[in-house]
C-alpha atoms as a PDB file:
ATOM      1  CA  MET A   1     -13.351   1.931  -3.160  1.00  0.00           C
ATOM      2  CA  ASP A   2      -9.796   2.688  -4.210  1.00  0.00           C
ATOM      3  CA  LYS A   3      -7.145   0.007  -4.759  1.00  0.00           C
ATOM      4  CA  PHE A   4      -3.384   0.548  -4.362  1.00  0.00           C
ATOM      5  CA  THR A   5      -0.269  -1.628  -4.346  1.00  0.00           C
ATOM      6  CA  GLY A   6       3.029  -0.934  -2.602  1.00  0.00           C
ATOM      7  CA  LEU A   7       5.581  -1.739   0.089  1.00  0.00           C
ATOM      8  CA  LEU A   8       4.395  -1.726   3.722  1.00  0.00           C
ATOM      9  CA  THR A   9       6.523   0.681   5.772  1.00  0.00           C
ATOM     10  CA  LYS A  10       6.310   2.669   9.028  1.00  0.00           C
ATOM     11  CA  ILE A  11       3.874   0.263  10.713  1.00  0.00           C
ATOM     12  CA  ARG A  12       2.792   1.752  14.045  1.00  0.00           C
ATOM     13  CA  LEU A  13       0.239   1.169  16.781  1.00  0.00           C
ATOM     14  CA  LEU A  14      -1.668   4.411  17.357  1.00  0.00           C
ATOM     15  CA  LYS A  15      -4.192   3.261  19.918  1.00  0.00           C
ATOM     16  CA  ASP A  16      -4.687   0.077  21.915  1.00  0.00           C
ATOM     17  CA  LYS A  17      -8.418   0.166  22.687  1.00  0.00           C
ATOM     18  CA  PRO A  18     -10.031   0.310  20.226  1.00  0.00           C
ATOM     19  CA  LEU A  19      -7.147  -0.943  18.111  1.00  0.00           C
ATOM     20  CA  LEU A  20      -5.934   1.673  15.635  1.00  0.00           C
ATOM     21  CA  VAL A  21      -2.977   0.905  13.343  1.00  0.00           C
ATOM     22  CA  ARG A  22      -1.271   3.117  10.769  1.00  0.00           C
ATOM     23  CA  PHE A  23       1.269   2.378   8.053  1.00  0.00           C
ATOM     24  CA  THR A  24       2.623   3.869   4.874  1.00  0.00           C
ATOM     25  CA  LEU A  25       2.127   2.180   1.531  1.00  0.00           C
ATOM     26  CA  LYS A  26       5.096   3.137  -0.615  1.00  0.00           C
ATOM     27  CA  SER A  27       4.764   2.701  -4.376  1.00  0.00           C
ATOM     28  CA  ASP A  28       7.115   3.800  -7.137  1.00  0.00           C
ATOM     29  CA  ASP A  29       5.505   7.199  -7.615  1.00  0.00           C
ATOM     30  CA  LYS A  30       4.003   8.098  -4.202  1.00  0.00           C
ATOM     31  CA  SER A  31       3.507   7.223  -0.540  1.00  0.00           C
ATOM     32  CA  ILE A  32       0.026   6.817   0.938  1.00  0.00           C
ATOM     33  CA  ASN A  33      -0.710   7.134   4.646  1.00  0.00           C
ATOM     34  CA  CYS A  34      -3.053   4.307   5.641  1.00  0.00           C
ATOM     35  CA  ILE A  35      -5.045   3.567   8.774  1.00  0.00           C
ATOM     36  CA  THR A  36      -7.270   0.737   9.965  1.00  0.00           C
ATOM     37  CA  ALA A  37      -9.515   0.202  12.961  1.00  0.00           C
ATOM     38  CA  LYS A  38     -10.466  -3.356  12.006  1.00  0.00           C
ATOM     39  CA  GLU A  39      -9.243  -5.478  14.929  1.00  0.00           C
ATOM     40  CA  ILE A  40      -8.149  -8.613  13.047  1.00  0.00           C
ATOM     41  CA  LEU A  41      -6.547  -6.647  10.227  1.00  0.00           C
ATOM     42  CA  GLY A  42      -4.675  -4.408  12.659  1.00  0.00           C
ATOM     43  CA  GLN A  43      -3.342  -7.387  14.631  1.00  0.00           C
ATOM     44  CA  ARG A  44      -2.047  -9.031  11.463  1.00  0.00           C
ATOM     45  CA  ILE A  45      -0.397  -5.852  10.182  1.00  0.00           C
ATOM     46  CA  LEU A  46       1.386  -5.344  13.509  1.00  0.00           C
ATOM     47  CA  MET A  47       3.023  -8.783  13.124  1.00  0.00           C
ATOM     48  CA  LEU A  48       4.683  -7.763   9.858  1.00  0.00           C
ATOM     49  CA  PRO A  49       8.179  -6.247   9.723  1.00  0.00           C
ATOM     50  CA  ASP A  50       8.706  -2.920   7.947  1.00  0.00           C
ATOM     51  CA  ASP A  51      10.003  -2.790   4.366  1.00  0.00           C
ATOM     52  CA  LYS A  52       9.598  -6.502   3.614  1.00  0.00           C
ATOM     53  CA  TYR A  53       6.157  -7.185   2.146  1.00  0.00           C
ATOM     54  CA  THR A  54       4.316  -5.836  -0.862  1.00  0.00           C
ATOM     55  CA  ALA A  55       0.576  -5.541  -0.364  1.00  0.00           C
ATOM     56  CA  GLU A  56      -2.568  -4.626  -2.215  1.00  0.00           C
ATOM     57  CA  VAL A  57      -4.995  -2.540  -0.166  1.00  0.00           C
ATOM     58  CA  VAL A  58      -8.587  -1.496  -0.719  1.00  0.00           C
ATOM     59  CA  GLY A  59     -10.185   1.421   1.081  1.00  0.00           C
ATOM     60  CA  LEU A  60     -11.493   4.968   1.026  1.00  0.00           C
ATOM     61  CA  PHE A  61      -9.798   8.285   1.779  1.00  0.00           C
ATOM     62  CA  ASN A  62     -10.936  10.228   4.853  1.00  0.00           C
ATOM     63  CA  VAL A  63     -10.896  14.012   5.324  1.00  0.00           C
ATOM     64  CA  LYS A  64      -7.260  13.871   6.551  1.00  0.00           C
ATOM     65  CA  GLU A  65      -6.218  12.242   3.241  1.00  0.00           C
ATOM     66  CA  GLN A  66      -5.539   8.890   4.958  1.00  0.00           C
ATOM     67  CA  LEU A  67      -6.620   5.717   3.219  1.00  0.00           C
ATOM     68  CA  VAL A  68      -8.972   3.868   5.573  1.00  0.00           C
ATOM     69  CA  ILE A  69      -8.205   0.222   4.850  1.00  0.00           C
ATOM     70  CA  ARG A  70     -11.023  -2.288   4.414  1.00  0.00           C
ATOM     71  CA  GLN A  71      -8.967  -5.124   2.893  1.00  0.00           C
ATOM     72  CA  LEU A  72      -5.272  -6.014   2.638  1.00  0.00           C
ATOM     73  CA  ILE A  73      -3.626  -8.832   0.697  1.00  0.00           C
ATOM     74  CA  VAL A  74       0.086  -9.638   0.983  1.00  0.00           C
ATOM     75  CA  LEU A  75       1.344 -10.252  -2.564  1.00  0.00           C
ATOM     76  CA  ASN A  76       4.692 -11.842  -1.655  1.00  0.00           C
ATOM     77  CA  PRO A  77       3.966 -14.165   1.297  1.00  0.00           C
ATOM     78  CA  ASP A  78       6.867 -16.215   2.575  1.00  0.00           C
ATOM     79  CA  ASN A  79       6.985 -19.414   4.631  1.00  0.00           C
ATOM     80  CA  LEU A  80       6.612 -17.520   7.913  1.00  0.00           C
ATOM     81  CA  ILE A  81       3.343 -15.908   6.846  1.00  0.00           C
ATOM     82  CA  LYS A  82       2.024 -19.221   5.535  1.00  0.00           C
ATOM     83  CA  MET A  83       3.127 -21.101   8.660  1.00  0.00           C
ATOM     84  CA  ILE A  84       1.408 -18.768  11.126  1.00  0.00           C
ATOM     85  CA  ASP A  85      -1.546 -18.386   8.747  1.00  0.00           C
ATOM     86  CA  LEU A  86      -1.537 -14.607   8.549  1.00  0.00           C
ATOM     87  CA  TRP A  87      -3.051 -14.502   5.061  1.00  0.00           C
END
């Protein structure tokens, strides 16, 4: 499993059923296209605004060079995230 850290940007819903969410993880040196089909993880990511939170993600690359996310941790949670218990 690969681990990366960066800013969550371009969060989009690709498919409703089954839930499929994509986003870009932007670090200092590169941008990584990420995707997740995990229902609970996708729902939580969709609640986040673009360009606000830094996250650490763990996953594997697929044949399309997208990082398939297995785990995501927000590194700079604020009161809103803590209040609604996102992470």
